Amino acid sequence: MKIIMVDACLLVKWCVGDDQLCLFNILQHFYVLLFQAKTKSGSNKKFASMKRMISLKDARIKHNQQKPKKKKIDKSDIIVRDAPQTSSALFFTYNTQLGPPYRVLLDTNFIHFSVKNKVDLFKGLMDCLYAKCIPYVTDCVFGELEKLGSKFRVALKILKDSRIERLSCLHKGTYADDCLVQHVTQHKCYIVGTCDKDLKRRIRKIPGVPIMFLRKGGYSIERMPDAYGAPRV
């Protein structure tokens, strides 16, 4: 390109007058055409354009999304869950251990509301279940009533009746709700008498345990079979 331009300049110098002007116009037109041809062909590009590629380890690739990295399992972090053994009394749709004489496990508030609503404990149990009933009280319930003071002295006096059976507790503390749940989970022969909503919610999670509560001046029961030992109609 440089050689052609030098030769063209020498030709212009040698020519005189109109010939010089004509030759200059021809060379100018030639250079314009030559420049256009070079730009179209792309020969003036110094570097070739490279295609941008995604890395094989990129998260946007499908097989990387489908196969997440496995975390190393630490044996010390494994939680061992021991499922409690189901009682044989729950083999049928009803609890076979529930039968007369009925064993009613009493809560603190059940005794207190019975006194407050002037409901006879022994007569009310008989009217509700139409059979002989044996009331049971744990050491925790007895201890709670003693701690509550003179306001619950009548309820405490009722618990000292010889007709009410006493259950001993081996655990620490005197929190009655945990104690009742523990007794009912181990032995399915009890009906729980309570008016506490939280305790009711906890006992409903244990299968085969009826709940007795105070309603309209008397006792009512839920989750009790229609007739003991009777087949479902």
Foldseek 3Di string as FASTA:
>chain_A
DVVVVVVLVVVLVVDDDPVSVVSVVVVVVVVVVVVVVCVVVVPVDPDDDDDDDDDPCDCPDDVNVVDDDDDDDDPVPDDDDDDDDDDPLPPDVARQLADPVAEEEEALVLLVVCVVLVHDPQVQVCVAPVHHYQYEYEPLRLVVLVVVPDSSVVSNVVCPDPSHHYDYDDDDDRDVLVVVLVVCLVDVRYAYEDDDPVSVVSVVVRPNHKYWYDDDSGIYIPPHDPDNPDDDD
